[in-house]
Amino acid sequence: MINSVQILNSLSSSLELWIPLNLSKEEFELELHRSAVLRTALNDLLQGKLSISDYLEFVEFLNIDIDNYLDKIEENLQSTPVVHLR
């Protein structure tokens, strides 16, 4: 049986930001920092402490291409198995 923690983990992984490895050290460190800030915002979103619109403002503030990010989320969610709760 699937529980709420498994659902949140699945959703969380669908919203993650991946860091390419072919970056300079400075670019990699910047992406790592942005990823950490985004992860904190994501945790707040999943815990109900942050609205989806505020979360997306964080994404934009971090200079992440919002359209590309949302397209990637859609791809990830479509490839995630559907969970039916009873």
Protein backbone atom coordinates (compact mmCIF):
# COMPACT_ATOMS: atom_id res chain seq x y z
CA MET A 1 0.00 0.00 0.00
CA ILE A 2 1.29 3.44 -0.91
CA ASN A 3 1.35 6.03 1.86
CA SER A 4 1.46 9.82 1.82
CA VAL A 5 5.25 9.90 2.32
CA GLN A 6 5.75 7.86 -0.86
CA ILE A 7 3.40 10.18 -2.76
CA LEU A 8 5.26 13.28 -1.52
CA ASN A 9 8.61 11.71 -2.42
CA SER A 10 7.37 10.93 -5.91
CA LEU A 11 6.00 14.43 -6.36
CA SER A 12 9.16 15.95 -4.92
CA SER A 13 11.38 14.06 -7.37
CA SER A 14 9.20 15.29 -10.24
CA LEU A 15 9.89 18.89 -9.24
CA GLU A 16 13.65 18.59 -8.75
CA LEU A 17 16.15 20.73 -10.59
CA TRP A 18 19.00 18.79 -12.18
CA ILE A 19 22.49 20.29 -12.40
CA PRO A 20 24.50 19.57 -15.55
CA LEU A 21 28.04 18.35 -14.96
CA ASN A 22 29.68 20.19 -17.86
CA LEU A 23 29.86 23.54 -16.04
CA SER A 24 32.80 25.56 -14.81
CA LYS A 25 33.47 25.42 -11.08
CA GLU A 26 31.87 28.85 -10.56
CA GLU A 27 28.78 27.94 -12.62
CA PHE A 28 28.46 24.63 -10.79
CA GLU A 29 28.65 26.34 -7.38
CA LEU A 30 25.98 28.86 -8.46
CA GLU A 31 23.71 26.06 -9.70
CA LEU A 32 24.29 24.13 -6.48
CA HIS A 33 23.29 27.17 -4.43
CA ARG A 34 20.20 27.77 -6.58
CA SER A 35 19.27 24.11 -6.23
CA ALA A 36 19.58 24.27 -2.43
CA VAL A 37 17.39 27.39 -2.24
CA LEU A 38 14.86 25.79 -4.57
CA ARG A 39 14.88 22.57 -2.50
CA THR A 40 14.04 24.57 0.63
CA ALA A 41 11.18 26.28 -1.19
CA LEU A 42 10.00 22.90 -2.53
CA ASN A 43 9.97 21.43 0.96
CA ASP A 44 7.94 24.42 2.15
CA LEU A 45 5.53 23.94 -0.76
CA LEU A 46 5.04 20.25 0.00
CA GLN A 47 4.49 21.00 3.69
CA GLY A 48 1.84 23.60 2.84
CA LYS A 49 3.96 26.51 4.11
CA LEU A 50 4.25 28.05 0.64
CA SER A 51 1.69 28.48 -2.12
CA ILE A 52 2.36 27.25 -5.66
CA SER A 53 2.42 30.85 -6.91
CA ASP A 54 5.03 31.80 -4.28
CA TYR A 55 7.05 28.72 -5.19
CA LEU A 56 7.00 29.70 -8.86
CA GLU A 57 8.11 33.21 -7.88
CA PHE A 58 11.16 31.59 -6.23
CA VAL A 59 11.82 29.71 -9.47
CA GLU A 60 11.69 32.94 -11.47
CA PHE A 61 13.76 34.84 -8.87
CA LEU A 62 16.49 32.23 -9.24
CA ASN A 63 16.59 32.97 -13.01
CA ILE A 64 15.33 29.52 -13.90
CA ASP A 65 13.46 29.46 -17.21
CA ILE A 66 9.95 28.98 -15.86
CA ASP A 67 8.49 27.63 -19.11
CA ASN A 68 11.25 25.05 -19.47
CA TYR A 69 10.96 24.12 -15.79
CA LEU A 70 7.18 23.63 -16.01
CA ASP A 71 7.55 21.58 -19.21
CA LYS A 72 10.07 19.35 -17.43
CA ILE A 73 7.74 18.94 -14.44
CA GLU A 74 4.95 17.93 -16.81
CA GLU A 75 7.22 15.34 -18.45
CA ASN A 76 8.26 13.99 -15.06
CA LEU A 77 4.70 13.76 -13.79
CA GLN A 78 3.55 11.99 -16.96
CA SER A 79 6.27 9.37 -16.50
CA THR A 80 5.39 8.86 -12.82
CA PRO A 81 2.99 5.98 -12.15
CA VAL A 82 -0.52 7.08 -11.20
CA VAL A 83 -1.42 6.44 -7.59
CA HIS A 84 -5.02 5.82 -6.62
CA LEU A 85 -5.86 6.35 -2.96
CA ARG A 86 -8.80 4.66 -1.33
